[in-house]
């Protein structure tokens, strides 16, 4: 006889009728029917109903056991009556008649009910995360995460990749976020950095002659939390390949993600071959480089319309003459919508900090086209026809305008596109819509300083003829940089790498790094690339975000076992925490308190 259990709580069925068994787990629920006490016993695998008669000498003792106590039940498998069977449970056709029990683990009063998916505050959930993880939905999510990672590993091996591990203690590197620093005891005054990504190491692996690398890599970034981003740490599927162009990388990722999303979800993948959208096209059509392609609404530029003499909307005309742009969203067949629909969207836009969204509807009466709405009177029939031509609008469609600086308009209409689509209920929630965003600019202008900086990964290869590259016009340079997006969530960034040291010096110089700066920060990389480096490239899809999509969750916390809170604190383990003065002394560190 096994010590604690002969079966798990989802194993037993009518084939086991009459068998004597041992089950161990947590008391999930109890139902007292007077003469009978029913107990749902739960373990990692499922639930089995157990029952005891009030005539049993054990009845009173079992009745007093609190929920979430860990118990062992000894009993006989009995077939349930057809009308009492529970089709939702694998074990729903049987129950266990208890003839003995033992308490294996007592419990204190619960701060949150495990058997319920009732929402609780982040503070309570994370302080008692070990209880939160017992809840059915999140327990299922964490098991899903494990299964997804296991499947990814197998598929990567099937694709010819080998898994290698890269260091956790490394040097600081400009990856786009703040580093977590680790003081060195043996090298006073110096610090390691936890890797924001294994970027340099995976490139060095390619330089070392290995051909295809992958790793389920922990990454550490000192950045603020969002619903799709955990503060502190996260995991990504890190990939690097030698002798490839970006289409080779795309082929691998498309094969992998098609398989993963088909296996772990019933939702349909919109396009097996993921569409490619240039960065500039994405910003124009969707206002963002993370477009949700489930949403059919698109943005169009109508700035030139406001140079027409038969357009009298002076507010926009003046702004356009001073360098502002006008962009718009068309909504199909919305002329029957009440005024409140349009006003609510305008109000929402104002709540977002903008001046609002101007709007009208295209109508036709007596064979004459006109604009109906608050600003409709400012547009002639000919102007309406021109707008319809540019935007592919039809009679009965409505249009929402935004005017301002390019960046502000893009941001507002990106949000408005999602808002309007949700209000119209036109987003298909039963599909995964993947796309590639390609042709990112190599550089951008820093809004605060006005200086040129890298827009993406600084180790990327620029596009075009390297010998003819015009570094005097850095904002015109495009890079072999790409993102993969699904349902409006960025899963990953990637790039074909710059493997030419001389070119790297030149590109970093444009962003304000002199040769000495580059050698100080990337000495290992530069040195390695000088000894025969192959062309190579890669990508790193986020594991947390993949699982979040598969689990149909809106917050990454729901698929992460022990996440930090919004303030990057572990409330359960009380981290970060103070350390003893002796530890600080050993590390040659003094804490200076702010006055």
Protein backbone atom coordinates (compact mmCIF):
# COMPACT_ATOMS: atom_id res chain seq x y z
CA UNK A 1 0.00 0.00 0.00
CA UNK A 2 1.27 3.47 -0.90
CA UNK A 3 1.86 5.86 1.99
CA UNK A 4 -0.31 8.80 0.96
CA UNK A 5 -2.33 7.92 -2.13
CA UNK A 6 -3.10 5.18 -4.58
CA UNK A 7 -4.63 7.59 -7.10
CA UNK A 8 -4.83 11.27 -7.87
CA UNK A 9 -8.11 13.17 -7.64
CA UNK A 10 -9.01 12.98 -11.33
CA UNK A 11 -7.99 9.37 -11.98
CA UNK A 12 -10.89 7.35 -10.64
CA UNK A 13 -13.93 6.41 -12.72
CA UNK A 14 -16.60 3.68 -12.91
CA UNK A 15 -13.94 1.15 -13.85
CA UNK A 16 -12.66 1.50 -10.28
CA UNK A 17 -16.07 0.74 -8.75
CA UNK A 18 -15.64 -1.34 -5.59
CA UNK A 19 -11.90 -0.69 -5.15
CA UNK A 20 -10.34 0.38 -1.85
CA UNK A 21 -8.31 3.54 -2.37
CA UNK A 22 -6.26 6.20 -0.64
CA UNK A 23 -6.63 9.84 -1.70
CA UNK A 24 -4.76 12.88 -0.39
CA UNK A 25 -5.40 16.54 -1.01
CA UNK A 26 -7.06 19.73 0.17
CA UNK A 27 -10.67 20.02 1.34
CA UNK A 28 -12.09 22.26 -1.37
CA UNK A 29 -15.78 22.37 -0.38
CA UNK A 30 -18.15 20.72 2.09
CA UNK A 31 -21.92 20.20 1.77
CA UNK A 32 -23.83 18.99 4.81
CA UNK A 33 -27.12 17.28 3.86
CA UNK A 34 -27.93 16.30 7.45
CA UNK A 35 -27.53 12.55 7.21
CA UNK A 36 -24.70 12.81 4.65
CA UNK A 37 -21.61 15.02 4.46
CA UNK A 38 -20.16 15.54 0.98
CA UNK A 39 -16.56 16.69 0.63
CA UNK A 40 -14.80 17.79 -2.55
CA UNK A 41 -11.18 16.70 -2.24
CA UNK A 42 -8.76 18.62 -4.51
CA UNK A 43 -5.20 18.06 -5.65
CA UNK A 44 -3.15 19.37 -8.57
CA UNK A 45 -4.96 17.07 -10.99
CA UNK A 46 -8.62 17.54 -10.16
CA UNK A 47 -11.45 16.95 -7.68
CA UNK A 48 -13.09 13.81 -6.30
CA UNK A 49 -16.28 13.80 -4.28
CA UNK A 50 -16.04 11.95 -0.96
CA UNK A 51 -18.97 11.18 1.35
CA UNK A 52 -19.55 10.03 4.91
CA UNK A 53 -22.76 8.98 6.68
CA UNK A 54 -23.73 10.66 9.96
CA UNK A 55 -23.95 7.19 11.51
CA UNK A 56 -20.17 6.86 11.20
CA UNK A 57 -18.10 7.51 14.31
CA UNK A 58 -15.83 9.66 12.13
CA UNK A 59 -18.63 11.99 11.04
CA UNK A 60 -18.34 14.66 13.77
CA UNK A 61 -14.56 14.87 13.49
CA UNK A 62 -14.58 15.19 9.70
CA UNK A 63 -17.44 17.72 9.85
CA UNK A 64 -15.24 20.05 11.95
CA UNK A 65 -12.27 20.03 9.57
CA UNK A 66 -11.79 23.55 8.05
CA UNK A 67 -11.58 24.12 4.31
CA UNK A 68 -8.05 23.91 2.84
CA UNK A 69 -6.91 21.41 5.44
CA UNK A 70 -4.70 18.74 3.87
CA UNK A 71 -6.20 15.31 4.55
CA UNK A 72 -5.90 11.70 3.56
CA UNK A 73 -9.12 9.74 2.98
CA UNK A 74 -9.28 5.96 2.92
CA UNK A 75 -12.40 4.51 1.38
CA UNK A 76 -14.21 2.54 -1.28
CA UNK A 77 -15.06 3.70 -4.81
CA UNK A 78 -18.84 3.71 -5.35
CA UNK A 79 -20.71 4.39 -8.58
CA UNK A 80 -22.97 7.47 -8.29
CA UNK A 81 -26.59 7.45 -9.34
CA UNK A 82 -27.04 8.68 -12.89
CA UNK A 83 -29.01 11.76 -11.82
CA UNK A 84 -26.30 12.77 -9.30
CA UNK A 85 -23.29 12.31 -11.60
CA UNK A 86 -21.19 15.43 -12.26
CA UNK A 87 -20.29 15.65 -15.95
CA UNK A 88 -17.89 18.54 -15.32
CA UNK A 89 -15.48 16.29 -13.38
CA UNK A 90 -13.38 13.44 -14.76
CA UNK A 91 -14.27 11.58 -11.57
CA UNK A 92 -17.90 12.72 -11.69
CA UNK A 93 -19.40 9.24 -12.11
CA UNK A 94 -18.05 7.96 -8.79
CA UNK A 95 -17.56 8.98 -5.17
CA UNK A 96 -15.50 7.71 -2.26
CA UNK A 97 -17.26 6.32 0.82
CA UNK A 98 -14.92 7.34 3.63
CA UNK A 99 -14.01 4.71 6.22
CA UNK A 100 -10.90 6.37 7.66
CA UNK A 101 -9.04 9.69 7.53
CA UNK A 102 -5.90 11.48 8.69
CA UNK A 103 -5.09 15.17 8.87
CA UNK A 104 -1.79 15.75 7.07
CA UNK A 105 -1.61 19.54 7.23
CA UNK A 106 -3.66 21.93 9.39
CA UNK A 107 -4.70 25.40 8.22
CA UNK A 108 -5.28 28.76 9.82
CA UNK A 109 -8.23 30.98 8.95
CA UNK A 110 -8.05 31.85 5.26
CA UNK A 111 -7.44 35.48 4.19
CA UNK A 112 -9.10 34.73 0.81
CA UNK A 113 -11.35 31.85 -0.31
CA UNK A 114 -9.52 29.37 -2.51
CA UNK A 115 -12.66 27.81 -4.01
CA UNK A 116 -13.81 31.15 -5.47
CA UNK A 117 -12.58 33.27 -8.37
CA UNK A 118 -13.84 36.37 -6.57
CA UNK A 119 -11.59 39.37 -7.18
CA UNK A 120 -9.37 40.43 -4.30
CA UNK A 121 -6.92 43.28 -3.96
CA UNK A 122 -3.45 42.89 -5.39
CA UNK A 123 -1.98 43.29 -1.90
CA UNK A 124 -3.93 40.34 -0.46
CA UNK A 125 -3.41 38.13 -3.51
CA UNK A 126 0.35 38.64 -3.66
CA UNK A 127 0.93 38.52 0.10
CA UNK A 128 -0.78 35.12 0.16
CA UNK A 129 0.25 34.08 -3.34
CA UNK A 130 0.61 30.42 -2.26
CA UNK A 131 -3.15 30.46 -1.54
CA UNK A 132 -3.99 32.48 -4.63
CA UNK A 133 -2.21 29.84 -6.71
CA UNK A 134 -4.54 27.15 -5.37
CA UNK A 135 -7.51 28.82 -7.05
CA UNK A 136 -8.75 26.88 -10.05
CA UNK A 137 -8.27 29.47 -12.78
CA UNK A 138 -4.78 30.63 -11.87
CA UNK A 139 -3.68 27.06 -11.01
CA UNK A 140 -4.76 26.07 -14.51
CA UNK A 141 -2.86 29.04 -15.99
CA UNK A 142 0.40 28.10 -14.26
CA UNK A 143 0.10 24.49 -15.43
CA UNK A 144 -0.60 25.81 -18.93
CA UNK A 145 2.58 27.88 -18.73
CA UNK A 146 4.61 24.80 -17.81
CA UNK A 147 3.13 22.79 -20.65
CA UNK A 148 3.71 25.60 -23.17
CA UNK A 149 7.37 25.93 -22.18
CA UNK A 150 7.88 22.17 -22.39
CA UNK A 151 6.26 22.07 -25.83
CA UNK A 152 8.34 25.01 -27.07
CA UNK A 153 11.54 23.27 -25.99
CA UNK A 154 10.61 20.13 -27.94
CA UNK A 155 9.64 22.08 -31.04
CA UNK A 156 12.84 24.12 -30.99
CA UNK A 157 14.85 20.91 -30.83
CA UNK A 158 12.77 19.55 -33.74
CA UNK A 159 13.72 22.69 -35.70
CA UNK A 160 17.41 21.92 -35.19
CA UNK A 161 18.14 24.32 -32.31
CA UNK A 162 20.27 23.49 -29.27
CA UNK A 163 19.69 25.04 -25.84
CA UNK A 164 22.58 26.86 -24.17
CA UNK A 165 22.66 28.86 -20.94
CA UNK A 166 24.10 32.35 -20.70
CA UNK A 167 25.43 34.16 -17.60
CA UNK A 168 23.18 35.93 -15.11
CA UNK A 169 25.96 38.10 -13.66
CA UNK A 170 27.26 40.30 -16.45
CA UNK A 171 28.10 43.92 -17.32
CA UNK A 172 25.77 46.87 -17.72
CA UNK A 173 24.52 47.43 -21.28
CA UNK A 174 22.23 50.03 -22.90
CA UNK A 175 19.23 47.79 -23.68
CA UNK A 176 16.56 50.41 -23.23
CA UNK A 177 15.73 50.01 -19.52
CA UNK A 178 17.43 50.44 -16.17
CA UNK A 179 19.73 47.68 -14.97
CA UNK A 180 19.52 45.81 -11.68
CA UNK A 181 23.01 46.12 -10.23
CA UNK A 182 24.81 43.56 -8.05
CA UNK A 183 27.83 44.75 -6.02
CA UNK A 184 31.04 42.74 -6.26
CA UNK A 185 32.67 41.76 -2.95
CA UNK A 186 35.96 40.79 -4.59
CA UNK A 187 36.09 43.91 -6.73
CA UNK A 188 35.19 46.80 -4.39
CA UNK A 189 33.28 49.67 -5.97
CA UNK A 190 32.35 47.66 -9.05
CA UNK A 191 29.06 46.09 -10.03
CA UNK A 192 27.61 43.30 -12.09
CA UNK A 193 24.34 43.86 -13.91
CA UNK A 194 21.56 41.32 -14.21
CA UNK A 195 20.93 40.83 -17.94
CA UNK A 196 18.09 42.79 -19.52
CA UNK A 197 18.42 40.16 -22.24
CA UNK A 198 21.20 37.75 -23.22
CA UNK A 199 21.78 39.89 -26.31
CA UNK A 200 25.56 40.06 -26.42
CA UNK A 201 26.08 36.50 -25.22
CA UNK A 202 23.83 34.96 -27.86
CA UNK A 203 25.71 36.88 -30.53
CA UNK A 204 28.97 35.62 -29.06
CA UNK A 205 27.60 32.07 -29.28
CA UNK A 206 27.20 32.59 -33.04
CA UNK A 207 30.73 33.99 -33.28
CA UNK A 208 31.89 30.86 -31.45
CA UNK A 209 30.73 28.73 -34.37
CA UNK A 210 27.44 27.37 -32.96
CA UNK A 211 24.71 27.57 -35.56
CA UNK A 212 21.27 27.67 -33.89
CA UNK A 213 20.78 28.73 -30.26
CA UNK A 214 17.74 28.94 -28.06
CA UNK A 215 17.14 29.50 -24.36
CA UNK A 216 14.14 30.03 -22.09
CA UNK A 217 15.93 33.05 -20.69
CA UNK A 218 15.24 35.06 -17.54
CA UNK A 219 15.52 38.80 -18.16
CA UNK A 220 15.77 41.57 -15.57
CA UNK A 221 14.69 45.16 -16.15
CA UNK A 222 14.11 47.89 -13.60
CA UNK A 223 11.02 49.35 -15.29
CA UNK A 224 7.47 50.21 -14.36
CA UNK A 225 4.71 47.61 -14.41
CA UNK A 226 1.95 47.38 -17.02
CA UNK A 227 -0.80 44.86 -17.63
CA UNK A 228 1.42 43.13 -20.24
CA UNK A 229 4.74 43.71 -18.47
CA UNK A 230 5.99 42.44 -15.14
CA UNK A 231 8.29 44.68 -13.15
CA UNK A 232 11.61 43.15 -12.25
CA UNK A 233 11.87 39.95 -14.25
CA UNK A 234 10.28 38.04 -17.09
CA UNK A 235 11.06 35.12 -19.39
CA UNK A 236 11.57 35.03 -23.13
CA UNK A 237 12.29 32.43 -25.78
CA UNK A 238 15.68 33.67 -26.89
CA UNK A 239 16.73 32.62 -30.42
CA UNK A 240 19.79 33.31 -32.55
CA UNK A 241 20.81 31.85 -35.93
CA UNK A 242 23.90 32.12 -38.15
CA UNK A 243 23.93 32.74 -41.91
CA UNK A 244 20.34 33.98 -42.07
CA UNK A 245 18.34 36.93 -43.34
CA UNK A 246 15.19 38.19 -41.63
CA UNK A 247 12.89 35.98 -43.72
CA UNK A 248 14.72 32.91 -42.37
CA UNK A 249 13.97 34.11 -38.83
CA UNK A 250 10.33 34.77 -39.77
CA UNK A 251 9.94 31.23 -41.14
CA UNK A 252 11.14 29.64 -37.89
CA UNK A 253 8.93 31.79 -35.68
CA UNK A 254 5.83 31.33 -37.84
CA UNK A 255 6.25 27.55 -37.78
CA UNK A 256 6.69 27.58 -34.01
CA UNK A 257 3.86 29.97 -33.09
CA UNK A 258 1.39 28.34 -35.46
CA UNK A 259 2.01 25.02 -33.70
CA UNK A 260 1.95 26.46 -30.16
CA UNK A 261 -1.26 28.45 -30.62
CA UNK A 262 -3.05 25.60 -32.40
CA UNK A 263 -2.12 23.13 -29.67
CA UNK A 264 -3.05 25.23 -26.66
CA UNK A 265 -6.05 27.21 -27.89
CA UNK A 266 -9.28 26.63 -29.80
CA UNK A 267 -9.11 30.10 -31.33
CA UNK A 268 -8.40 30.37 -35.05
CA UNK A 269 -5.16 31.88 -36.36
CA UNK A 270 -6.21 34.56 -38.85
CA UNK A 271 -3.24 34.09 -41.21
CA UNK A 272 -0.88 31.12 -41.12
CA UNK A 273 1.60 33.28 -43.01
CA UNK A 274 1.92 36.40 -40.91
CA UNK A 275 1.47 39.64 -42.89
CA UNK A 276 4.38 42.12 -43.02
CA UNK A 277 3.62 45.76 -42.31
CA UNK A 278 6.27 48.48 -42.49
CA UNK A 279 6.74 50.65 -39.42
CA UNK A 280 5.66 53.77 -41.30
CA UNK A 281 2.56 52.07 -42.73
CA UNK A 282 1.61 50.79 -39.29
CA UNK A 283 1.93 54.23 -37.72
CA UNK A 284 -0.22 55.72 -40.50
CA UNK A 285 -2.98 53.08 -40.62
CA UNK A 286 -3.15 52.16 -36.94
CA UNK A 287 -1.34 54.95 -35.03
CA UNK A 288 0.91 52.38 -33.36
CA UNK A 289 3.52 49.75 -34.14
CA UNK A 290 1.47 47.24 -32.13
CA UNK A 291 -1.72 47.04 -34.22
CA UNK A 292 -4.62 44.79 -33.31
CA UNK A 293 -5.56 43.40 -36.73
CA UNK A 294 -8.76 41.88 -35.36
CA UNK A 295 -10.00 45.46 -35.54
CA UNK A 296 -11.02 46.34 -39.15
CA UNK A 297 -10.88 50.12 -38.57
CA UNK A 298 -8.05 52.01 -40.26
CA UNK A 299 -6.70 55.55 -40.05
CA UNK A 300 -6.14 57.78 -43.09
CA UNK A 301 -4.36 61.11 -43.55
CA UNK A 302 -6.65 63.96 -44.60
CA UNK A 303 -4.31 66.90 -44.00
CA UNK A 304 -4.41 68.09 -47.64
CA UNK A 305 -8.21 68.36 -47.51
CA UNK A 306 -7.86 71.37 -45.24
CA UNK A 307 -6.00 73.38 -47.87
CA UNK A 308 -9.17 73.40 -50.02
CA UNK A 309 -11.13 76.64 -50.35
CA UNK A 310 -14.45 74.78 -50.05
CA UNK A 311 -13.50 73.48 -46.60
CA UNK A 312 -14.34 76.21 -44.07
CA UNK A 313 -13.41 74.49 -40.81
CA UNK A 314 -11.01 77.27 -39.82
CA UNK A 315 -9.69 75.76 -36.58
CA UNK A 316 -8.18 72.80 -38.41
CA UNK A 317 -7.15 74.90 -41.44
CA UNK A 318 -5.07 77.23 -39.24
CA UNK A 319 -3.44 74.35 -37.36
CA UNK A 320 -2.56 72.57 -40.61
CA UNK A 321 -1.02 75.75 -42.01
CA UNK A 322 1.23 75.82 -38.93
CA UNK A 323 2.46 72.24 -39.39
CA UNK A 324 -0.21 70.12 -37.72
CA UNK A 325 -1.71 67.07 -39.40
CA UNK A 326 -5.26 65.75 -39.68
CA UNK A 327 -6.02 62.07 -39.59
CA UNK A 328 -9.34 60.29 -39.43
CA UNK A 329 -11.14 57.02 -38.77
CA UNK A 330 -14.06 55.83 -40.91
CA UNK A 331 -16.81 53.75 -39.29
CA UNK A 332 -18.99 51.75 -41.67
CA UNK A 333 -22.78 52.19 -41.80
CA UNK A 334 -23.08 54.12 -38.56
CA UNK A 335 -25.50 56.82 -39.76
CA UNK A 336 -28.28 55.13 -37.79
CA UNK A 337 -26.38 55.44 -34.51
CA UNK A 338 -27.86 57.92 -32.01
CA UNK A 339 -26.16 61.24 -31.33
CA UNK A 340 -25.06 59.88 -27.94
CA UNK A 341 -22.80 57.32 -29.65
CA UNK A 342 -20.78 60.09 -31.31
CA UNK A 343 -20.84 62.44 -28.34
CA UNK A 344 -19.62 59.70 -26.00
CA UNK A 345 -16.59 59.06 -28.22
CA UNK A 346 -15.87 62.79 -28.35
CA UNK A 347 -16.16 62.98 -24.56
CA UNK A 348 -13.86 59.98 -24.18
CA UNK A 349 -11.24 61.71 -26.35
CA UNK A 350 -11.42 64.82 -24.16
CA UNK A 351 -11.03 62.65 -21.06
CA UNK A 352 -7.84 61.33 -22.66
CA UNK A 353 -6.47 64.85 -22.59
CA UNK A 354 -7.16 65.87 -26.19
CA UNK A 355 -9.40 68.61 -27.57
CA UNK A 356 -11.82 65.91 -28.73
CA UNK A 357 -12.77 64.24 -32.01
CA UNK A 358 -14.69 66.18 -34.64
CA UNK A 359 -17.16 64.09 -36.63
CA UNK A 360 -19.87 63.92 -39.23
CA UNK A 361 -21.76 61.33 -41.32
CA UNK A 362 -21.87 61.08 -45.11
CA UNK A 363 -25.49 61.39 -46.30
CA UNK A 364 -27.27 61.68 -49.66
CA UNK A 365 -30.56 63.40 -50.38
CA UNK A 366 -32.07 64.40 -53.73
CA UNK A 367 -28.99 62.93 -55.38
CA UNK A 368 -26.78 65.37 -53.45
CA UNK A 369 -24.05 64.32 -51.03
CA UNK A 370 -23.64 66.27 -47.79
CA UNK A 371 -22.04 65.98 -44.37
CA UNK A 372 -24.42 65.64 -41.42
CA UNK A 373 -23.10 66.47 -37.97
CA UNK A 374 -21.69 69.25 -35.79
CA UNK A 375 -19.02 70.25 -38.34
CA UNK A 376 -20.78 69.02 -41.49
CA UNK A 377 -21.72 72.53 -42.65
CA UNK A 378 -18.04 73.38 -43.15
CA UNK A 379 -17.58 70.83 -45.96
CA UNK A 380 -18.88 71.16 -49.51
CA UNK A 381 -20.27 68.24 -51.49
CA UNK A 382 -17.08 68.19 -53.58
CA UNK A 383 -14.93 68.11 -50.43
CA UNK A 384 -17.02 65.21 -49.11
CA UNK A 385 -16.49 63.32 -52.37
CA UNK A 386 -12.74 63.86 -52.12
CA UNK A 387 -12.68 62.66 -48.51
CA UNK A 388 -14.71 59.58 -49.51
CA UNK A 389 -12.25 58.86 -52.32
CA UNK A 390 -9.20 59.10 -50.05
CA UNK A 391 -10.73 57.15 -47.16
CA UNK A 392 -12.82 54.63 -49.15
CA UNK A 393 -15.89 55.88 -47.28
CA UNK A 394 -19.45 55.39 -48.53
CA UNK A 395 -22.83 56.97 -47.95
CA UNK A 396 -23.97 56.03 -44.43
CA UNK A 397 -20.42 55.91 -43.05
CA UNK A 398 -19.19 58.27 -40.35
CA UNK A 399 -15.82 59.93 -39.91
CA UNK A 400 -13.92 61.04 -36.79
CA UNK A 401 -11.17 63.67 -37.18
CA UNK A 402 -8.16 64.45 -35.00
CA UNK A 403 -5.83 67.39 -35.56
CA UNK A 404 -2.50 68.19 -33.92
CA UNK A 405 1.14 67.25 -33.84
CA UNK A 406 1.90 63.95 -35.57
CA UNK A 407 2.87 62.04 -32.43
CA UNK A 408 -0.16 63.25 -30.46
CA UNK A 409 -2.58 62.42 -33.27
CA UNK A 410 -1.11 58.94 -33.73
CA UNK A 411 -1.43 58.20 -30.03
CA UNK A 412 -5.01 59.49 -29.78
CA UNK A 413 -6.30 57.70 -32.88
CA UNK A 414 -4.59 54.47 -31.91
CA UNK A 415 -6.59 54.52 -28.68
CA UNK A 416 -9.72 55.81 -30.44
CA UNK A 417 -9.52 52.98 -32.97
CA UNK A 418 -9.73 50.45 -30.12
CA UNK A 419 -12.39 52.41 -28.26
CA UNK A 420 -14.68 52.77 -31.28
CA UNK A 421 -14.26 49.13 -32.31
CA UNK A 422 -15.21 47.96 -28.82
CA UNK A 423 -18.24 50.27 -28.75
CA UNK A 424 -19.31 48.87 -32.13
CA UNK A 425 -18.50 45.30 -31.04
CA UNK A 426 -16.57 44.57 -34.24
CA UNK A 427 -13.48 42.90 -32.76
CA UNK A 428 -13.45 39.15 -33.31
CA UNK A 429 -12.38 37.71 -29.95
CA UNK A 430 -12.08 34.19 -31.36
CA UNK A 431 -8.99 34.70 -33.50
CA UNK A 432 -5.27 35.35 -33.14
CA UNK A 433 -4.14 38.01 -35.59
CA UNK A 434 -0.35 37.96 -35.96
CA UNK A 435 1.74 40.37 -38.00
CA UNK A 436 5.34 41.43 -38.49
CA UNK A 437 6.28 45.09 -38.18
CA UNK A 438 9.37 45.64 -40.34
CA UNK A 439 11.69 48.36 -41.63
CA UNK A 440 12.12 50.24 -38.38
CA UNK A 441 14.13 53.44 -38.52
CA UNK A 442 17.66 52.98 -37.26
CA UNK A 443 17.54 56.25 -35.32
CA UNK A 444 15.05 58.70 -33.85
CA UNK A 445 15.24 62.11 -32.22
CA UNK A 446 15.21 62.24 -28.43
CA UNK A 447 12.26 64.47 -27.48
CA UNK A 448 13.96 65.79 -24.36
CA UNK A 449 17.45 66.49 -25.69
CA UNK A 450 16.85 66.80 -29.43
CA UNK A 451 19.81 64.47 -30.01
CA UNK A 452 19.91 61.43 -32.27
CA UNK A 453 19.52 58.08 -30.53
CA UNK A 454 18.95 54.45 -31.51
CA UNK A 455 15.26 53.74 -32.01
CA UNK A 456 15.54 50.01 -31.42
CA UNK A 457 18.40 47.55 -30.89
CA UNK A 458 21.82 49.27 -31.28
CA UNK A 459 23.39 46.05 -32.57
CA UNK A 460 21.16 45.91 -35.66
CA UNK A 461 22.31 45.88 -39.27
CA UNK A 462 21.28 48.89 -41.38
CA UNK A 463 19.52 48.27 -44.69
CA UNK A 464 20.95 49.10 -48.10
CA UNK A 465 24.42 49.30 -49.51
CA UNK A 466 26.72 49.50 -46.49
CA UNK A 467 29.46 51.24 -48.49
CA UNK A 468 27.04 53.91 -49.71
CA UNK A 469 25.34 54.46 -46.33
CA UNK A 470 24.63 58.17 -45.78
CA UNK A 471 25.30 58.78 -42.11
CA UNK A 472 24.64 62.49 -42.60
CA UNK A 473 20.92 61.68 -42.83
CA UNK A 474 20.55 59.19 -39.95
CA UNK A 475 16.76 59.52 -39.69
CA UNK A 476 16.46 58.15 -43.25
CA UNK A 477 18.32 54.94 -42.40
CA UNK A 478 16.18 51.85 -41.96
CA UNK A 479 17.36 48.77 -40.11
CA UNK A 480 16.76 45.05 -40.35
CA UNK A 481 14.73 45.28 -37.18
CA UNK A 482 11.35 43.68 -36.68
CA UNK A 483 8.65 43.11 -34.12
CA UNK A 484 6.05 40.38 -33.97
CA UNK A 485 2.61 41.45 -32.75
CA UNK A 486 -0.51 39.47 -31.87
CA UNK A 487 -3.90 41.03 -31.06
CA UNK A 488 -2.27 44.37 -30.30
CA UNK A 489 0.38 42.91 -27.98
CA UNK A 490 4.05 43.00 -28.91
CA UNK A 491 5.43 39.50 -28.39
CA UNK A 492 8.98 40.21 -29.40
CA UNK A 493 11.57 42.39 -31.03
CA UNK A 494 14.37 41.05 -33.17
CA UNK A 495 16.96 42.00 -35.73
CA UNK A 496 19.64 40.92 -38.14
CA UNK A 497 22.80 41.87 -36.25
CA UNK A 498 25.60 44.14 -37.22
CA UNK A 499 28.62 41.82 -37.32
CA UNK A 500 31.08 44.36 -38.81
CA UNK A 501 33.16 46.20 -36.13
CA UNK A 502 34.09 49.22 -38.29
CA UNK A 503 30.45 49.77 -39.17
CA UNK A 504 29.44 49.45 -35.53
CA UNK A 505 31.85 52.23 -34.52
CA UNK A 506 30.35 54.50 -37.20
CA UNK A 507 26.74 53.77 -36.24
CA UNK A 508 27.39 54.32 -32.53
CA UNK A 509 29.18 57.57 -33.35
CA UNK A 510 25.94 58.91 -34.89
CA UNK A 511 24.22 58.29 -31.53
CA UNK A 512 26.95 60.16 -29.65
CA UNK A 513 29.25 57.31 -28.62
CA UNK A 514 32.95 57.76 -29.40
CA UNK A 515 35.22 54.79 -30.11
CA UNK A 516 36.41 54.64 -26.50
CA UNK A 517 32.78 54.56 -25.20
CA UNK A 518 31.95 51.63 -27.47
CA UNK A 519 35.06 49.70 -26.48
CA UNK A 520 34.40 50.29 -22.78
CA UNK A 521 30.78 49.18 -22.94
CA UNK A 522 31.06 46.41 -25.53
CA UNK A 523 34.67 45.30 -25.38
CA UNK A 524 33.79 41.60 -25.41
CA UNK A 525 31.45 42.01 -28.38
CA UNK A 526 33.76 44.24 -30.46
CA UNK A 527 36.75 42.02 -29.81
CA UNK A 528 34.86 38.88 -30.78
CA UNK A 529 33.47 40.38 -33.99
CA UNK A 530 37.04 41.16 -35.04
CA UNK A 531 37.89 37.46 -35.29
CA UNK A 532 35.64 36.29 -38.09
CA UNK A 533 31.96 36.76 -37.26
CA UNK A 534 29.20 35.19 -39.39
CA UNK A 535 26.11 37.13 -40.49
CA UNK A 536 23.50 36.32 -37.87
CA UNK A 537 20.15 37.37 -36.47
CA UNK A 538 17.51 36.45 -33.97
CA UNK A 539 14.45 37.27 -31.94
CA UNK A 540 13.09 36.69 -28.43
CA UNK A 541 9.29 36.17 -28.04
CA UNK A 542 8.02 36.79 -24.52
CA UNK A 543 6.92 33.59 -22.77
CA UNK A 544 4.71 35.48 -20.32
CA UNK A 545 2.83 37.28 -23.10
CA UNK A 546 2.39 34.11 -25.16
CA UNK A 547 0.83 32.33 -22.19
CA UNK A 548 -1.29 35.38 -21.35
CA UNK A 549 -2.81 35.26 -24.84
CA UNK A 550 -3.36 31.50 -24.70
CA UNK A 551 -5.00 31.75 -21.27
CA UNK A 552 -7.19 34.62 -22.49
CA UNK A 553 -6.00 36.84 -19.64
CA UNK A 554 -5.67 40.63 -19.67
CA UNK A 555 -2.94 40.86 -17.02
CA UNK A 556 0.41 39.09 -17.10
CA UNK A 557 0.22 38.58 -13.33
CA UNK A 558 -2.41 35.89 -13.94
CA UNK A 559 0.11 33.63 -15.71
CA UNK A 560 3.17 34.34 -13.54
CA UNK A 561 3.75 32.19 -10.49
CA UNK A 562 5.29 34.73 -8.12
CA UNK A 563 5.01 38.23 -9.65
CA UNK A 564 6.04 41.47 -8.01
CA UNK A 565 3.42 44.12 -7.32
CA UNK A 566 3.11 47.47 -9.11
CA UNK A 567 5.89 48.87 -6.92
CA UNK A 568 8.24 45.97 -7.75
CA UNK A 569 7.81 44.44 -4.28
CA UNK A 570 7.45 40.80 -3.28
CA UNK A 571 4.89 41.08 -0.47
CA UNK A 572 5.12 37.39 0.33
CA UNK A 573 8.90 37.22 0.80
CA UNK A 574 9.26 40.86 1.91
CA UNK A 575 11.62 41.86 -0.90
CA UNK A 576 13.41 44.14 -1.46
CA UNK A 577 14.52 44.27 2.15
CA UNK A 578 17.18 45.85 4.28
CA UNK A 579 20.38 43.90 4.95
CA UNK A 580 22.73 43.78 7.92
CA UNK A 581 25.44 46.41 8.27
CA UNK A 582 27.99 43.59 8.25
CA UNK A 583 26.86 42.55 4.75
CA UNK A 584 27.11 46.13 3.52
CA UNK A 585 30.57 46.51 5.04
CA UNK A 586 31.73 43.33 3.31
CA UNK A 587 30.57 44.82 0.00
CA UNK A 588 32.14 48.22 0.74
CA UNK A 589 28.74 49.93 0.56
CA UNK A 590 27.43 52.82 2.67
CA UNK A 591 23.74 53.71 2.66
CA UNK A 592 23.18 57.48 2.45
CA UNK A 593 19.73 58.44 3.68
CA UNK A 594 17.91 61.28 1.96
CA UNK A 595 17.39 64.33 4.15
